[in-house]
Amino acid sequence: MNLREHKESEGSAAQVALVTGAAGGIGEAVARLLGEHGVTVAAVDRDAERLDTAVEKLRGESQPVTGYPADVTSTAEVRATVDRIERELGPIGYLVNAAGILRAGEVLSLSDEDWTETFAVNATGVFIVSRAVVARMVSRGRGAVVTVASNVAGTARFGMGAYSASKAAATIFTKCLGLETARHGIRCNLVAPGSTDTPMLRSLWDGGDAIRASLDGKPELFRVGIPLGKLALPSDVADAVFFLLSDQAAHITMHDLTVDGGATLGV
């Protein structure tokens, strides 16, 4: 059963999906896929200009997507945005936490600001948005949440101390949320991508050698490559998110689905 069928069988509470980080990369790919399956998407991002561009592109593809600029680190903005979405689009049945930032650097070179901003978006933002949305799901007795985490949440990597720690926090938070809300019929799962061809990853590249290093690995940094020999596309991650939201995953909660081409060797 796909999400369109789920919407029709369970009523209006399953019609609307809130997707954070929807101005590009994985978030935009998720918004597109949900729209293609008849879900009305509330696309949220703090970069209003990029969000407008993404929404205009998706609407040009006849996707039912509406943009809502908001900063996921602000409780006031998030609560106001969730109120507005439900007034304008209807009850939120699906939440995808895809907003994220990356501040790369070895731990001893990270600034306080690097650490604080990384956690503010990647961990606290997941908490703030989830709390606002899931409280409404509880009152309706249904809902599904997927947080986009990372395969580095459980694997040490050079230069990823802040990012890895923030994604680990988001991972265990989402599982705890799933445990606490299971009795209300709400499922909370995670997708953990590896290297994915997004603007975030490309910002780290200094040319073809960096891409090759992702594929082949760097033994001097204790990093293996990608056994499947390719980077993930945002659509690959979106497919995994879609599955966990769908009725095909109706008995799955608190699960962490890794999508990394084997880069963490199945651990």
C-alpha atoms as a PDB file:
ATOM      1  CA  MET A   1       0.000   0.000   0.000  1.00  0.00           C
ATOM      2  CA  ASN A   2       1.420   3.382  -0.935  1.00  0.00           C
ATOM      3  CA  LEU A   3       0.885   6.709   0.809  1.00  0.00           C
ATOM      4  CA  ARG A   4      -1.942   7.783  -1.499  1.00  0.00           C
ATOM      5  CA  GLU A   5      -3.879   4.614  -0.595  1.00  0.00           C
ATOM      6  CA  HIS A   6      -3.023   5.131   3.072  1.00  0.00           C
ATOM      7  CA  LYS A   7      -4.456   8.632   2.871  1.00  0.00           C
ATOM      8  CA  GLU A   8      -7.684   7.447   1.339  1.00  0.00           C
ATOM      9  CA  SER A   9      -8.171   4.592   3.784  1.00  0.00           C
ATOM     10  CA  GLU A  10      -7.344   6.423   7.005  1.00  0.00           C
ATOM     11  CA  GLY A  11      -8.699   9.905   6.367  1.00  0.00           C
ATOM     12  CA  SER A  12      -7.345  13.398   6.366  1.00  0.00           C
ATOM     13  CA  ALA A  13      -4.766  12.911   9.153  1.00  0.00           C
ATOM     14  CA  ALA A  14      -2.498  11.129   6.679  1.00  0.00           C
ATOM     15  CA  GLN A  15      -2.744  13.636   3.847  1.00  0.00           C
ATOM     16  CA  VAL A  16      -0.073  16.144   4.858  1.00  0.00           C
ATOM     17  CA  ALA A  17       3.675  15.669   5.291  1.00  0.00           C
ATOM     18  CA  LEU A  18       5.993  18.218   6.872  1.00  0.00           C
ATOM     19  CA  VAL A  19       9.517  17.955   5.469  1.00  0.00           C
ATOM     20  CA  THR A  20      12.348  20.037   6.945  1.00  0.00           C
ATOM     21  CA  GLY A  21      15.477  20.890   4.995  1.00  0.00           C
ATOM     22  CA  ALA A  22      13.329  20.875   1.872  1.00  0.00           C
ATOM     23  CA  ALA A  23      15.202  23.587  -0.047  1.00  0.00           C
ATOM     24  CA  GLY A  24      17.594  21.073  -1.572  1.00  0.00           C
ATOM     25  CA  GLY A  25      19.369  17.753  -1.371  1.00  0.00           C
ATOM     26  CA  ILE A  26      17.647  14.897   0.432  1.00  0.00           C
ATOM     27  CA  GLY A  27      14.814  17.057   1.776  1.00  0.00           C
ATOM     28  CA  GLU A  28      13.848  18.242  -1.699  1.00  0.00           C
ATOM     29  CA  ALA A  29      14.011  14.680  -3.033  1.00  0.00           C
ATOM     30  CA  VAL A  30      11.707  13.505  -0.237  1.00  0.00           C
ATOM     31  CA  ALA A  31       9.247  16.332  -0.947  1.00  0.00           C
ATOM     32  CA  ARG A  32       9.207  15.390  -4.629  1.00  0.00           C
ATOM     33  CA  LEU A  33       8.633  11.687  -3.999  1.00  0.00           C
ATOM     34  CA  LEU A  34       5.844  12.306  -1.502  1.00  0.00           C
ATOM     35  CA  GLY A  35       4.169  14.717  -3.890  1.00  0.00           C
ATOM     36  CA  GLU A  36       4.357  12.162  -6.689  1.00  0.00           C
ATOM     37  CA  HIS A  37       2.381   9.785  -4.480  1.00  0.00           C
ATOM     38  CA  GLY A  38      -0.429  12.222  -3.770  1.00  0.00           C
ATOM     39  CA  VAL A  39       0.725  13.583  -0.413  1.00  0.00           C
ATOM     40  CA  THR A  40       0.385  17.313   0.217  1.00  0.00           C
ATOM     41  CA  VAL A  41       3.815  18.521   1.299  1.00  0.00           C
ATOM     42  CA  ALA A  42       4.652  21.377   3.633  1.00  0.00           C
ATOM     43  CA  ALA A  43       8.259  22.160   2.686  1.00  0.00           C
ATOM     44  CA  VAL A  44      10.163  23.846   5.523  1.00  0.00           C
ATOM     45  CA  ASP A  45      13.605  25.448   5.371  1.00  0.00           C
ATOM     46  CA  ARG A  46      15.245  28.492   6.921  1.00  0.00           C
ATOM     47  CA  ASP A  47      16.713  29.609   3.582  1.00  0.00           C
ATOM     48  CA  ALA A  48      13.628  31.320   2.178  1.00  0.00           C
ATOM     49  CA  GLU A  49      15.187  32.121  -1.196  1.00  0.00           C
ATOM     50  CA  ARG A  50      16.365  28.578  -1.896  1.00  0.00           C
ATOM     51  CA  LEU A  51      13.073  27.234  -0.587  1.00  0.00           C
ATOM     52  CA  ASP A  52      11.110  29.433  -2.996  1.00  0.00           C
ATOM     53  CA  THR A  53      13.234  28.145  -5.867  1.00  0.00           C
ATOM     54  CA  ALA A  54      12.757  24.505  -4.859  1.00  0.00           C
ATOM     55  CA  VAL A  55       9.000  24.887  -4.360  1.00  0.00           C
ATOM     56  CA  GLU A  56       8.611  26.678  -7.684  1.00  0.00           C
ATOM     57  CA  LYS A  57      10.466  23.829  -9.397  1.00  0.00           C
ATOM     58  CA  LEU A  58       8.328  21.176  -7.708  1.00  0.00           C
ATOM     59  CA  ARG A  59       5.125  23.021  -8.503  1.00  0.00           C
ATOM     60  CA  GLY A  60       6.311  23.167 -12.102  1.00  0.00           C
ATOM     61  CA  GLU A  61       6.321  19.371 -11.943  1.00  0.00           C
ATOM     62  CA  SER A  62       2.700  19.498 -10.691  1.00  0.00           C
ATOM     63  CA  GLN A  63       3.698  18.544  -7.156  1.00  0.00           C
ATOM     64  CA  PRO A  64       1.350  19.615  -4.301  1.00  0.00           C
ATOM     65  CA  VAL A  65       4.078  21.424  -2.363  1.00  0.00           C
ATOM     66  CA  THR A  66       3.817  24.634  -0.324  1.00  0.00           C
ATOM     67  CA  GLY A  67       6.816  26.418   1.175  1.00  0.00           C
ATOM     68  CA  TYR A  68       6.998  27.548   4.803  1.00  0.00           C
ATOM     69  CA  PRO A  69      10.221  29.371   5.701  1.00  0.00           C
ATOM     70  CA  ALA A  70      11.173  28.627   9.299  1.00  0.00           C
ATOM     71  CA  ASP A  71      14.211  28.016  11.474  1.00  0.00           C
ATOM     72  CA  VAL A  72      14.017  24.579  13.111  1.00  0.00           C
ATOM     73  CA  THR A  73      16.121  25.832  16.030  1.00  0.00           C
ATOM     74  CA  SER A  74      13.425  28.313  17.081  1.00  0.00           C
ATOM     75  CA  THR A  75      10.598  26.913  19.190  1.00  0.00           C
ATOM     76  CA  ALA A  76       8.434  29.945  18.501  1.00  0.00           C
ATOM     77  CA  GLU A  77       8.911  29.776  14.735  1.00  0.00           C
ATOM     78  CA  VAL A  78       8.309  26.037  14.617  1.00  0.00           C
ATOM     79  CA  ARG A  79       5.121  26.199  16.682  1.00  0.00           C
ATOM     80  CA  ALA A  80       3.775  29.060  14.588  1.00  0.00           C
ATOM     81  CA  THR A  81       4.649  27.232  11.376  1.00  0.00           C
ATOM     82  CA  VAL A  82       3.020  23.978  12.473  1.00  0.00           C
ATOM     83  CA  ASP A  83      -0.115  25.930  13.434  1.00  0.00           C
ATOM     84  CA  ARG A  84      -0.157  27.603  10.027  1.00  0.00           C
ATOM     85  CA  ILE A  85       0.391  24.346   8.129  1.00  0.00           C
ATOM     86  CA  GLU A  86      -2.481  22.625   9.884  1.00  0.00           C
ATOM     87  CA  ARG A  87      -4.772  25.613   9.332  1.00  0.00           C
ATOM     88  CA  GLU A  88      -3.920  25.873   5.647  1.00  0.00           C
ATOM     89  CA  LEU A  89      -3.259  22.273   4.585  1.00  0.00           C
ATOM     90  CA  GLY A  90      -4.791  20.034   7.229  1.00  0.00           C
ATOM     91  CA  PRO A  91      -3.560  17.668   9.951  1.00  0.00           C
ATOM     92  CA  ILE A  92       0.046  16.555   9.611  1.00  0.00           C
ATOM     93  CA  GLY A  93       0.259  12.780   9.265  1.00  0.00           C
ATOM     94  CA  TYR A  94       3.924  12.460   8.294  1.00  0.00           C
ATOM     95  CA  LEU A  95       7.071  14.207   9.528  1.00  0.00           C
ATOM     96  CA  VAL A  96      10.486  13.978   7.887  1.00  0.00           C
ATOM     97  CA  ASN A  97      13.357  15.606   9.770  1.00  0.00           C
ATOM     98  CA  ALA A  98      15.832  16.215   6.937  1.00  0.00           C
ATOM     99  CA  ALA A  99      17.322  19.577   7.938  1.00  0.00           C
ATOM    100  CA  GLY A 100      21.012  19.380   8.710  1.00  0.00           C
ATOM    101  CA  ILE A 101      24.315  21.238   8.613  1.00  0.00           C
ATOM    102  CA  LEU A 102      27.921  20.071   8.531  1.00  0.00           C
ATOM    103  CA  ARG A 103      30.853  21.768  10.247  1.00  0.00           C
ATOM    104  CA  ALA A 104      33.830  19.622   9.313  1.00  0.00           C
ATOM    105  CA  GLY A 105      37.102  19.660  11.197  1.00  0.00           C
ATOM    106  CA  GLU A 106      39.115  17.652  13.684  1.00  0.00           C
ATOM    107  CA  VAL A 107      37.889  18.016  17.244  1.00  0.00           C
ATOM    108  CA  LEU A 108      40.807  20.148  18.461  1.00  0.00           C
ATOM    109  CA  SER A 109      40.198  22.674  15.685  1.00  0.00           C
ATOM    110  CA  LEU A 110      36.436  23.016  16.159  1.00  0.00           C
ATOM    111  CA  SER A 111      35.139  26.260  17.613  1.00  0.00           C
ATOM    112  CA  ASP A 112      32.414  26.583  20.205  1.00  0.00           C
ATOM    113  CA  GLU A 113      30.246  28.025  17.438  1.00  0.00           C
ATOM    114  CA  ASP A 114      30.879  25.010  15.179  1.00  0.00           C
ATOM    115  CA  TRP A 115      29.744  22.646  17.921  1.00  0.00           C
ATOM    116  CA  THR A 116      26.773  24.702  19.075  1.00  0.00           C
ATOM    117  CA  GLU A 117      25.379  25.391  15.609  1.00  0.00           C
ATOM    118  CA  THR A 118      25.758  21.763  14.549  1.00  0.00           C
ATOM    119  CA  PHE A 119      23.820  20.514  17.552  1.00  0.00           C
ATOM    120  CA  ALA A 120      21.262  23.315  17.283  1.00  0.00           C
ATOM    121  CA  VAL A 121      20.153  22.181  13.815  1.00  0.00           C
ATOM    122  CA  ASN A 122      20.957  18.463  13.728  1.00  0.00           C
ATOM    123  CA  ALA A 123      19.808  17.486  17.218  1.00  0.00           C
ATOM    124  CA  THR A 124      17.862  20.280  18.917  1.00  0.00           C
ATOM    125  CA  GLY A 125      16.013  21.055  15.676  1.00  0.00           C
ATOM    126  CA  VAL A 126      14.852  17.445  15.462  1.00  0.00           C
ATOM    127  CA  PHE A 127      13.613  17.689  19.052  1.00  0.00           C
ATOM    128  CA  ILE A 128      11.798  21.002  18.554  1.00  0.00           C
ATOM    129  CA  VAL A 129      10.043  20.016  15.328  1.00  0.00           C
ATOM    130  CA  SER A 130       9.214  16.493  16.497  1.00  0.00           C
ATOM    131  CA  ARG A 131       7.780  17.747  19.776  1.00  0.00           C
ATOM    132  CA  ALA A 132       5.537  20.257  18.005  1.00  0.00           C
ATOM    133  CA  VAL A 133       4.263  17.831  15.359  1.00  0.00           C
ATOM    134  CA  VAL A 134       4.047  14.593  17.326  1.00  0.00           C
ATOM    135  CA  ALA A 135       1.983  16.203  20.094  1.00  0.00           C
ATOM    136  CA  ARG A 136      -0.728  16.687  17.474  1.00  0.00           C
ATOM    137  CA  MET A 137      -0.281  13.169  16.113  1.00  0.00           C
ATOM    138  CA  VAL A 138      -0.819  11.784  19.623  1.00  0.00           C
ATOM    139  CA  SER A 139      -4.194  13.472  19.876  1.00  0.00           C
ATOM    140  CA  ARG A 140      -5.226  11.803  16.607  1.00  0.00           C
ATOM    141  CA  GLY A 141      -3.795   8.375  17.396  1.00  0.00           C
ATOM    142  CA  ARG A 142      -1.725   7.971  14.239  1.00  0.00           C
ATOM    143  CA  GLY A 143       1.374   9.285  12.492  1.00  0.00           C
ATOM    144  CA  ALA A 144       4.803   8.399  11.149  1.00  0.00           C
ATOM    145  CA  VAL A 145       8.134  10.136  11.656  1.00  0.00           C
ATOM    146  CA  VAL A 146      11.433   9.599   9.850  1.00  0.00           C
ATOM    147  CA  THR A 147      14.615  11.379  10.898  1.00  0.00           C
ATOM    148  CA  VAL A 148      17.443  11.548   8.382  1.00  0.00           C
ATOM    149  CA  ALA A 149      20.508  10.776  10.481  1.00  0.00           C
ATOM    150  CA  SER A 150      23.848   9.468   9.133  1.00  0.00           C
ATOM    151  CA  ASN A 151      25.960   6.348   8.992  1.00  0.00           C
ATOM    152  CA  VAL A 152      28.630   8.295  10.925  1.00  0.00           C
ATOM    153  CA  ALA A 153      26.325   8.353  13.970  1.00  0.00           C
ATOM    154  CA  GLY A 154      27.808   4.991  14.909  1.00  0.00           C
ATOM    155  CA  THR A 155      31.172   5.074  13.113  1.00  0.00           C
ATOM    156  CA  ALA A 156      34.103   7.279  14.107  1.00  0.00           C
ATOM    157  CA  ARG A 157      35.419   9.426  11.256  1.00  0.00           C
ATOM    158  CA  PHE A 158      38.229  11.980  11.059  1.00  0.00           C
ATOM    159  CA  GLY A 159      36.906  15.535  10.867  1.00  0.00           C
ATOM    160  CA  MET A 160      33.352  14.553  11.746  1.00  0.00           C
ATOM    161  CA  GLY A 161      33.315  14.847  15.542  1.00  0.00           C
ATOM    162  CA  ALA A 162      30.570  17.461  15.832  1.00  0.00           C
ATOM    163  CA  TYR A 163      28.481  16.115  12.964  1.00  0.00           C
ATOM    164  CA  SER A 164      28.722  12.495  14.120  1.00  0.00           C
ATOM    165  CA  ALA A 165      27.860  13.378  17.708  1.00  0.00           C
ATOM    166  CA  SER A 166      24.857  15.465  16.658  1.00  0.00           C
ATOM    167  CA  LYS A 167      23.523  12.703  14.421  1.00  0.00           C
ATOM    168  CA  ALA A 168      24.039  10.148  17.193  1.00  0.00           C
ATOM    169  CA  ALA A 169      21.974  12.375  19.476  1.00  0.00           C
ATOM    170  CA  ALA A 170      19.221  12.667  16.867  1.00  0.00           C
ATOM    171  CA  THR A 171      19.281   8.900  16.398  1.00  0.00           C
ATOM    172  CA  ILE A 172      18.739   7.917  20.014  1.00  0.00           C
ATOM    173  CA  PHE A 173      16.247  10.755  20.510  1.00  0.00           C
ATOM    174  CA  THR A 174      14.114   9.460  17.627  1.00  0.00           C
ATOM    175  CA  LYS A 175      14.204   5.928  19.014  1.00  0.00           C
ATOM    176  CA  CYS A 176      13.164   7.172  22.466  1.00  0.00           C
ATOM    177  CA  LEU A 177      10.350   9.157  20.859  1.00  0.00           C
ATOM    178  CA  GLY A 178       9.243   6.032  19.036  1.00  0.00           C
ATOM    179  CA  LEU A 179       9.185   4.055  22.282  1.00  0.00           C
ATOM    180  CA  GLU A 180       7.152   6.671  24.105  1.00  0.00           C
ATOM    181  CA  THR A 181       4.592   7.182  21.347  1.00  0.00           C
ATOM    182  CA  ALA A 182       4.123   3.620  20.100  1.00  0.00           C
ATOM    183  CA  ARG A 183       1.089   3.236  22.355  1.00  0.00           C
ATOM    184  CA  HIS A 184      -0.509   6.080  20.405  1.00  0.00           C
ATOM    185  CA  GLY A 185      -0.050   4.342  17.060  1.00  0.00           C
ATOM    186  CA  ILE A 186       2.907   6.515  16.016  1.00  0.00           C
ATOM    187  CA  ARG A 187       5.985   5.030  14.352  1.00  0.00           C
ATOM    188  CA  CYS A 188       9.382   6.760  14.540  1.00  0.00           C
ATOM    189  CA  ASN A 189      12.255   5.516  12.377  1.00  0.00           C
ATOM    190  CA  LEU A 190      15.577   6.670  10.952  1.00  0.00           C
ATOM    191  CA  VAL A 191      17.373   6.602   7.646  1.00  0.00           C
ATOM    192  CA  ALA A 192      21.153   6.788   7.898  1.00  0.00           C
ATOM    193  CA  PRO A 193      22.728   7.834   4.583  1.00  0.00           C
ATOM    194  CA  GLY A 194      26.382   7.573   3.753  1.00  0.00           C
ATOM    195  CA  SER A 195      28.103   9.759   1.157  1.00  0.00           C
ATOM    196  CA  THR A 196      25.300  11.242  -0.921  1.00  0.00           C
ATOM    197  CA  ASP A 197      25.614  13.607  -3.894  1.00  0.00           C
ATOM    198  CA  THR A 198      24.141  16.702  -2.230  1.00  0.00           C
ATOM    199  CA  PRO A 199      25.251  20.343  -1.914  1.00  0.00           C
ATOM    200  CA  MET A 200      26.429  19.533   1.633  1.00  0.00           C
ATOM    201  CA  LEU A 201      28.792  16.828   0.429  1.00  0.00           C
ATOM    202  CA  ARG A 202      29.936  18.795  -2.620  1.00  0.00           C
ATOM    203  CA  SER A 203      30.961  21.658  -0.344  1.00  0.00           C
ATOM    204  CA  LEU A 204      33.699  19.358   0.989  1.00  0.00           C
ATOM    205  CA  TRP A 205      35.032  18.345  -2.402  1.00  0.00           C
ATOM    206  CA  ASP A 206      38.161  19.863  -3.883  1.00  0.00           C
ATOM    207  CA  GLY A 207      37.860  18.042  -7.190  1.00  0.00           C
ATOM    208  CA  GLY A 208      37.785  14.545  -8.598  1.00  0.00           C
ATOM    209  CA  ASP A 209      40.351  13.250  -6.109  1.00  0.00           C
ATOM    210  CA  ALA A 210      37.944  13.880  -3.234  1.00  0.00           C
ATOM    211  CA  ILE A 211      35.180  11.980  -5.022  1.00  0.00           C
ATOM    212  CA  ARG A 212      37.566   9.133  -5.715  1.00  0.00           C
ATOM    213  CA  ALA A 213      38.591   9.074  -2.050  1.00  0.00           C
ATOM    214  CA  SER A 214      34.948   8.665  -1.009  1.00  0.00           C
ATOM    215  CA  LEU A 215      34.598   5.706  -3.353  1.00  0.00           C
ATOM    216  CA  ASP A 216      37.965   4.058  -2.713  1.00  0.00           C
ATOM    217  CA  GLY A 217      38.500   4.983   0.937  1.00  0.00           C
ATOM    218  CA  LYS A 218      41.505   6.499   2.713  1.00  0.00           C
ATOM    219  CA  PRO A 219      43.488   3.939   4.728  1.00  0.00           C
ATOM    220  CA  GLU A 220      45.558   6.648   6.396  1.00  0.00           C
ATOM    221  CA  LEU A 221      42.332   7.962   7.946  1.00  0.00           C
ATOM    222  CA  PHE A 222      41.040   4.461   8.748  1.00  0.00           C
ATOM    223  CA  ARG A 223      38.174   4.896   6.305  1.00  0.00           C
ATOM    224  CA  VAL A 224      37.021   2.183   3.928  1.00  0.00           C
ATOM    225  CA  GLY A 225      35.442   3.025   0.600  1.00  0.00           C
ATOM    226  CA  ILE A 226      31.990   2.248  -0.747  1.00  0.00           C
ATOM    227  CA  PRO A 227      31.673  -1.420  -1.759  1.00  0.00           C
ATOM    228  CA  LEU A 228      28.964  -0.665  -4.345  1.00  0.00           C
ATOM    229  CA  GLY A 229      31.397   1.761  -5.999  1.00  0.00           C
ATOM    230  CA  LYS A 230      29.092   4.772  -6.275  1.00  0.00           C
ATOM    231  CA  LEU A 231      27.726   7.695  -4.298  1.00  0.00           C
ATOM    232  CA  ALA A 232      24.099   7.628  -3.255  1.00  0.00           C
ATOM    233  CA  LEU A 233      21.700   9.984  -4.999  1.00  0.00           C
ATOM    234  CA  PRO A 234      19.203  11.990  -2.926  1.00  0.00           C
ATOM    235  CA  SER A 235      16.469   9.898  -4.547  1.00  0.00           C
ATOM    236  CA  ASP A 236      18.037   6.725  -3.111  1.00  0.00           C
ATOM    237  CA  VAL A 237      17.639   8.122   0.385  1.00  0.00           C
ATOM    238  CA  ALA A 238      14.156   9.439  -0.387  1.00  0.00           C
ATOM    239  CA  ASP A 239      13.092   5.929  -1.421  1.00  0.00           C
ATOM    240  CA  ALA A 240      14.139   4.610   2.000  1.00  0.00           C
ATOM    241  CA  VAL A 241      12.294   7.429   3.770  1.00  0.00           C
ATOM    242  CA  PHE A 242       9.187   6.717   1.705  1.00  0.00           C
ATOM    243  CA  PHE A 243       9.272   3.044   2.612  1.00  0.00           C
ATOM    244  CA  LEU A 244       9.450   3.768   6.346  1.00  0.00           C
ATOM    245  CA  LEU A 245       6.534   6.195   6.113  1.00  0.00           C
ATOM    246  CA  SER A 246       4.404   3.791   4.101  1.00  0.00           C
ATOM    247  CA  ASP A 247       2.073   1.022   5.233  1.00  0.00           C
ATOM    248  CA  GLN A 248       4.649  -1.467   3.951  1.00  0.00           C
ATOM    249  CA  ALA A 249       6.539  -0.568   7.140  1.00  0.00           C
ATOM    250  CA  ALA A 250       3.435  -0.631   9.338  1.00  0.00           C
ATOM    251  CA  HIS A 251       5.075  -2.907  11.938  1.00  0.00           C
ATOM    252  CA  ILE A 252       8.448  -1.159  11.949  1.00  0.00           C
ATOM    253  CA  THR A 253       9.370   1.442  14.542  1.00  0.00           C
ATOM    254  CA  MET A 254      12.597   2.573  16.247  1.00  0.00           C
ATOM    255  CA  HIS A 255      14.529   1.159  13.278  1.00  0.00           C
ATOM    256  CA  ASP A 256      17.686   2.670  11.752  1.00  0.00           C
ATOM    257  CA  LEU A 257      17.919   1.913   8.017  1.00  0.00           C
ATOM    258  CA  THR A 258      21.440   2.464   6.649  1.00  0.00           C
ATOM    259  CA  VAL A 259      21.718   3.596   3.017  1.00  0.00           C
ATOM    260  CA  ASP A 260      25.456   3.845   2.349  1.00  0.00           C
ATOM    261  CA  GLY A 261      26.373   1.320  -0.322  1.00  0.00           C
ATOM    262  CA  GLY A 262      28.068  -0.821   2.312  1.00  0.00           C
ATOM    263  CA  ALA A 263      30.484   1.886   3.499  1.00  0.00           C
ATOM    264  CA  THR A 264      30.069   0.915   7.152  1.00  0.00           C
ATOM    265  CA  LEU A 265      30.300  -2.782   6.281  1.00  0.00           C
ATOM    266  CA  GLY A 266      26.849  -3.569   7.618  1.00  0.00           C
ATOM    267  CA  VAL A 267      27.804  -2.722  11.207  1.00  0.00           C
END
